[in-house]
């Protein structure tokens, strides 16, 4: 009985951590979308810069959907998406802080 309860706790924790990782990706995507919108509103991003950043964001979402299509989101796939999100974040920062303004 004790072993069964322990296994259920471990399985629950594993599922919860998987959901947390997926939520982490979604949360980062949402924050980046907000940063782009804020950059447009403040004039830090030109229309062309915002368009390019949004295209990059769409490509990442498409890649993530393809990875999840088989019902699995492996560690390597998560790492790839996280690296893409890291690059996207750097690009947003760079575009918001360059000399171009709308």
N, C-alpha and C. Protein backbone atom coordinates (compact mmCIF):
# COMPACT_ATOMS: atom_id res chain seq x y z
N UNK A 1 0.82 -1.19 0.00
CA UNK A 1 0.00 0.00 0.00
C UNK A 1 0.86 1.25 0.00
N UNK A 2 1.90 1.28 0.82
CA UNK A 2 2.79 2.43 0.89
C UNK A 2 3.52 2.63 -0.43
N UNK A 3 3.95 1.53 -1.05
CA UNK A 3 4.64 1.63 -2.34
C UNK A 3 3.71 2.21 -3.40
N UNK A 4 2.47 1.77 -3.41
CA UNK A 4 1.49 2.27 -4.38
C UNK A 4 1.28 3.77 -4.20
N UNK A 5 1.14 4.22 -2.98
CA UNK A 5 0.94 5.64 -2.71
C UNK A 5 2.16 6.45 -3.14
N UNK A 6 3.35 5.92 -2.90
CA UNK A 6 4.57 6.61 -3.31
C UNK A 6 4.66 6.71 -4.82
N UNK A 7 4.31 5.63 -5.51
CA UNK A 7 4.33 5.66 -6.98
C UNK A 7 3.32 6.67 -7.53
N UNK A 8 2.17 6.74 -6.91
CA UNK A 8 1.17 7.71 -7.36
C UNK A 8 1.66 9.14 -7.15
N UNK A 9 2.33 9.40 -6.04
CA UNK A 9 2.89 10.73 -5.78
C UNK A 9 3.96 11.08 -6.80
N UNK A 10 4.82 10.12 -7.11
CA UNK A 10 5.87 10.36 -8.10
C UNK A 10 5.26 10.61 -9.47
N UNK A 11 4.28 9.81 -9.85
CA UNK A 11 3.62 9.99 -11.15
C UNK A 11 2.93 11.34 -11.23
N UNK A 12 2.29 11.74 -10.14
CA UNK A 12 1.62 13.04 -10.10
C UNK A 12 2.61 14.18 -10.22
N UNK A 13 3.73 14.05 -9.55
CA UNK A 13 4.77 15.09 -9.61
C UNK A 13 5.35 15.18 -11.01
N UNK A 14 5.52 14.03 -11.65
CA UNK A 14 6.05 14.02 -13.01
C UNK A 14 5.08 14.71 -13.97
N UNK A 15 3.81 14.40 -13.85
CA UNK A 15 2.81 15.05 -14.70
C UNK A 15 2.75 16.54 -14.42
N UNK A 16 2.81 16.90 -13.17
CA UNK A 16 2.76 18.31 -12.81
C UNK A 16 3.96 19.06 -13.37
N UNK A 17 5.14 18.47 -13.30
CA UNK A 17 6.32 19.15 -13.82
C UNK A 17 6.23 19.29 -15.33
N UNK A 18 5.65 18.31 -16.03
CA UNK A 18 5.45 18.42 -17.47
C UNK A 18 4.50 19.55 -17.80
N UNK A 19 3.44 19.68 -17.03
CA UNK A 19 2.49 20.77 -17.24
C UNK A 19 3.16 22.11 -16.96
N UNK A 20 3.99 22.14 -15.94
CA UNK A 20 4.69 23.37 -15.60
C UNK A 20 5.62 23.79 -16.72
N UNK A 21 6.32 22.84 -17.31
CA UNK A 21 7.22 23.17 -18.42
C UNK A 21 6.43 23.70 -19.61
N UNK A 22 5.29 23.09 -19.91
CA UNK A 22 4.46 23.57 -21.01
C UNK A 22 3.93 24.96 -20.68
N UNK A 23 3.51 25.16 -19.43
CA UNK A 23 3.01 26.48 -19.02
C UNK A 23 4.12 27.52 -19.11
N UNK A 24 5.35 27.10 -18.80
CA UNK A 24 6.48 28.01 -18.86
C UNK A 24 6.69 28.51 -20.29
N UNK A 25 6.61 27.62 -21.25
CA UNK A 25 6.75 28.01 -22.66
C UNK A 25 5.63 28.97 -23.04
N UNK A 26 4.40 28.62 -22.69
CA UNK A 26 3.26 29.47 -23.03
C UNK A 26 3.36 30.83 -22.35
N UNK A 27 3.81 30.84 -21.10
CA UNK A 27 3.95 32.10 -20.36
C UNK A 27 5.00 32.99 -21.02
N UNK A 28 6.11 32.41 -21.41
CA UNK A 28 7.15 33.20 -22.09
C UNK A 28 6.62 33.77 -23.40
N UNK A 29 5.88 32.97 -24.15
CA UNK A 29 5.33 33.44 -25.41
C UNK A 29 4.38 34.61 -25.17
N UNK A 30 3.55 34.49 -24.17
CA UNK A 30 2.60 35.55 -23.85
C UNK A 30 3.34 36.83 -23.45
N UNK A 31 4.35 36.71 -22.59
CA UNK A 31 5.13 37.88 -22.18
C UNK A 31 5.81 38.54 -23.37
N UNK A 32 6.34 37.75 -24.28
CA UNK A 32 7.00 38.32 -25.45
C UNK A 32 5.99 39.06 -26.34
N UNK A 33 4.81 38.50 -26.49
CA UNK A 33 3.76 39.19 -27.25
C UNK A 33 3.43 40.54 -26.62
N UNK A 34 3.36 40.57 -25.29
CA UNK A 34 3.09 41.83 -24.58
C UNK A 34 4.23 42.83 -24.76
N UNK A 35 5.47 42.34 -24.75
CA UNK A 35 6.62 43.23 -24.94
C UNK A 35 6.59 43.86 -26.34
N UNK A 36 6.21 43.09 -27.34
CA UNK A 36 6.11 43.62 -28.69
C UNK A 36 5.02 44.68 -28.75
N UNK A 37 3.85 44.37 -28.18
CA UNK A 37 2.74 45.33 -28.17
C UNK A 37 3.14 46.62 -27.45
N UNK A 38 3.85 46.48 -26.32
CA UNK A 38 4.29 47.66 -25.57
C UNK A 38 5.29 48.47 -26.39
N UNK A 39 6.15 47.79 -27.14
CA UNK A 39 7.13 48.48 -27.97
C UNK A 39 6.48 49.28 -29.09
N UNK A 40 5.41 48.75 -29.64
CA UNK A 40 4.65 49.47 -30.67
C UNK A 40 4.00 50.70 -30.05
N UNK A 41 3.35 50.49 -28.91
CA UNK A 41 2.63 51.57 -28.24
C UNK A 41 3.56 52.70 -27.83
N UNK A 42 4.75 52.36 -27.37
CA UNK A 42 5.69 53.39 -26.90
C UNK A 42 6.47 54.03 -28.04
N UNK A 43 6.40 53.44 -29.22
CA UNK A 43 7.14 53.97 -30.35
C UNK A 43 8.55 53.42 -30.46
N UNK A 44 8.92 52.48 -29.58
CA UNK A 44 10.25 51.88 -29.63
C UNK A 44 10.41 50.93 -30.81
N UNK A 45 9.30 50.40 -31.32
CA UNK A 45 9.34 49.49 -32.46
C UNK A 45 8.64 50.12 -33.65
N UNK A 46 9.25 49.99 -34.82
CA UNK A 46 8.60 50.43 -36.04
C UNK A 46 7.63 49.33 -36.48
N UNK A 47 6.78 49.65 -37.42
CA UNK A 47 5.85 48.63 -37.94
C UNK A 47 6.60 47.44 -38.53
N UNK A 48 7.66 47.74 -39.27
CA UNK A 48 8.44 46.65 -39.89
C UNK A 48 9.12 45.78 -38.83
N UNK A 49 9.68 46.40 -37.81
CA UNK A 49 10.30 45.62 -36.74
C UNK A 49 9.28 44.73 -36.04
N UNK A 50 8.13 45.30 -35.73
CA UNK A 50 7.07 44.53 -35.06
C UNK A 50 6.61 43.38 -35.95
N UNK A 51 6.47 43.64 -37.22
CA UNK A 51 6.03 42.60 -38.16
C UNK A 51 7.04 41.45 -38.17
N UNK A 52 8.32 41.79 -38.26
CA UNK A 52 9.37 40.77 -38.27
C UNK A 52 9.37 39.96 -36.98
N UNK A 53 9.24 40.64 -35.85
CA UNK A 53 9.23 39.94 -34.55
C UNK A 53 8.00 39.04 -34.43
N UNK A 54 6.86 39.51 -34.91
CA UNK A 54 5.65 38.67 -34.85
C UNK A 54 5.75 37.46 -35.76
N UNK A 55 6.39 37.62 -36.91
CA UNK A 55 6.60 36.47 -37.80
C UNK A 55 7.49 35.43 -37.11
N UNK A 56 8.52 35.91 -36.43
CA UNK A 56 9.40 35.02 -35.68
C UNK A 56 8.61 34.28 -34.60
N UNK A 57 7.73 34.98 -33.91
CA UNK A 57 6.91 34.37 -32.86
C UNK A 57 5.98 33.31 -33.45
N UNK A 58 5.38 33.60 -34.62
CA UNK A 58 4.51 32.62 -35.26
C UNK A 58 5.28 31.35 -35.64
N UNK A 59 6.50 31.53 -36.12
CA UNK A 59 7.32 30.37 -36.49
C UNK A 59 7.61 29.50 -35.28
N UNK A 60 7.86 30.12 -34.14
CA UNK A 60 8.12 29.35 -32.92
C UNK A 60 6.87 28.60 -32.50
N UNK A 61 5.71 29.26 -32.55
CA UNK A 61 4.46 28.57 -32.19
C UNK A 61 4.18 27.41 -33.13
N UNK A 62 4.45 27.59 -34.42
CA UNK A 62 4.25 26.52 -35.40
C UNK A 62 5.17 25.34 -35.09
N UNK A 63 6.43 25.65 -34.78
CA UNK A 63 7.39 24.61 -34.43
C UNK A 63 6.93 23.85 -33.18
N UNK A 64 6.47 24.59 -32.18
CA UNK A 64 6.00 23.95 -30.95
C UNK A 64 4.81 23.03 -31.23
N UNK A 65 3.87 23.50 -32.02
CA UNK A 65 2.70 22.66 -32.36
C UNK A 65 3.14 21.38 -33.08
N UNK A 66 4.11 21.49 -33.97
CA UNK A 66 4.61 20.31 -34.68
C UNK A 66 5.24 19.32 -33.70
N UNK A 67 6.00 19.83 -32.75
CA UNK A 67 6.61 18.97 -31.75
C UNK A 67 5.55 18.27 -30.90
N UNK A 68 4.49 18.97 -30.57
CA UNK A 68 3.45 18.41 -29.70
C UNK A 68 2.46 17.52 -30.45
N UNK A 69 2.50 17.52 -31.76
CA UNK A 69 1.50 16.81 -32.58
C UNK A 69 1.45 15.32 -32.30
N UNK A 70 2.56 14.74 -31.91
CA UNK A 70 2.57 13.30 -31.62
C UNK A 70 2.19 12.98 -30.19
N UNK A 71 1.81 14.02 -29.43
CA UNK A 71 1.39 13.81 -28.05
C UNK A 71 2.52 13.85 -27.06
N UNK A 72 3.74 14.06 -27.54
CA UNK A 72 4.91 14.13 -26.66
C UNK A 72 5.61 15.46 -26.88
N UNK A 73 6.21 15.96 -25.84
CA UNK A 73 7.03 17.17 -25.92
C UNK A 73 8.31 16.82 -25.17
N UNK A 74 9.27 16.26 -25.90
CA UNK A 74 10.47 15.72 -25.27
C UNK A 74 11.37 16.82 -24.72
N UNK A 75 12.31 16.41 -23.92
CA UNK A 75 13.26 17.35 -23.34
C UNK A 75 14.04 18.07 -24.45
N UNK A 76 14.45 17.36 -25.47
CA UNK A 76 15.20 17.97 -26.58
C UNK A 76 14.32 18.97 -27.33
N UNK A 77 13.04 18.63 -27.50
CA UNK A 77 12.12 19.56 -28.18
C UNK A 77 11.89 20.81 -27.33
N UNK A 78 11.71 20.62 -26.03
CA UNK A 78 11.55 21.77 -25.13
C UNK A 78 12.78 22.66 -25.17
N UNK A 79 13.96 22.02 -25.16
CA UNK A 79 15.21 22.78 -25.20
C UNK A 79 15.29 23.60 -26.49
N UNK A 80 14.91 23.01 -27.60
CA UNK A 80 14.93 23.72 -28.88
C UNK A 80 13.99 24.92 -28.86
N UNK A 81 12.78 24.72 -28.35
CA UNK A 81 11.81 25.81 -28.27
C UNK A 81 12.32 26.89 -27.32
N UNK A 82 12.88 26.49 -26.18
CA UNK A 82 13.41 27.47 -25.23
C UNK A 82 14.55 28.28 -25.85
N UNK A 83 15.41 27.63 -26.62
CA UNK A 83 16.50 28.35 -27.28
C UNK A 83 15.94 29.35 -28.30
N UNK A 84 14.91 28.94 -29.02
CA UNK A 84 14.26 29.85 -29.97
C UNK A 84 13.64 31.04 -29.24
N UNK A 85 13.02 30.77 -28.09
CA UNK A 85 12.43 31.85 -27.30
C UNK A 85 13.51 32.77 -26.73
N UNK A 86 14.65 32.21 -26.36
CA UNK A 86 15.77 33.04 -25.90
C UNK A 86 16.21 33.99 -27.00
N UNK A 87 16.35 33.47 -28.22
CA UNK A 87 16.76 34.31 -29.34
C UNK A 87 15.71 35.37 -29.63
N UNK A 88 14.46 34.98 -29.58
CA UNK A 88 13.37 35.92 -29.80
C UNK A 88 13.40 37.04 -28.77
N UNK A 89 13.64 36.69 -27.52
CA UNK A 89 13.71 37.68 -26.47
C UNK A 89 14.86 38.67 -26.71
N UNK A 90 16.01 38.14 -27.11
CA UNK A 90 17.15 39.01 -27.43
C UNK A 90 16.81 39.94 -28.61
N UNK A 91 16.12 39.40 -29.62
CA UNK A 91 15.75 40.20 -30.78
C UNK A 91 14.78 41.31 -30.40
N UNK A 92 13.82 41.00 -29.54
CA UNK A 92 12.87 42.01 -29.09
C UNK A 92 13.62 43.12 -28.37
N UNK A 93 14.50 42.75 -27.46
CA UNK A 93 15.28 43.75 -26.72
C UNK A 93 16.09 44.62 -27.68
N UNK A 94 16.78 43.97 -28.60
CA UNK A 94 17.64 44.70 -29.54
C UNK A 94 16.83 45.67 -30.39
N UNK A 95 15.69 45.23 -30.90
CA UNK A 95 14.87 46.10 -31.74
C UNK A 95 14.26 47.25 -30.95
N UNK A 96 13.90 46.99 -29.71
CA UNK A 96 13.32 48.06 -28.88
C UNK A 96 14.36 49.10 -28.48
N UNK A 97 15.63 48.71 -28.47
CA UNK A 97 16.67 49.62 -28.01
C UNK A 97 17.59 50.13 -29.12
N UNK A 98 17.22 49.89 -30.35
CA UNK A 98 18.04 50.46 -31.43
C UNK A 98 17.60 51.91 -31.69
N UNK A 99 18.22 52.53 -32.64
CA UNK A 99 17.97 53.95 -32.91
C UNK A 99 16.69 54.21 -33.69
N UNK A 100 16.06 53.16 -34.21
CA UNK A 100 14.83 53.35 -34.99
C UNK A 100 13.63 53.55 -34.09
N UNK A 101 12.82 54.52 -34.45
CA UNK A 101 11.58 54.78 -33.72
C UNK A 101 10.48 55.04 -34.72
N UNK A 102 9.26 54.73 -34.33
CA UNK A 102 8.14 54.98 -35.25
C UNK A 102 7.60 56.37 -35.07
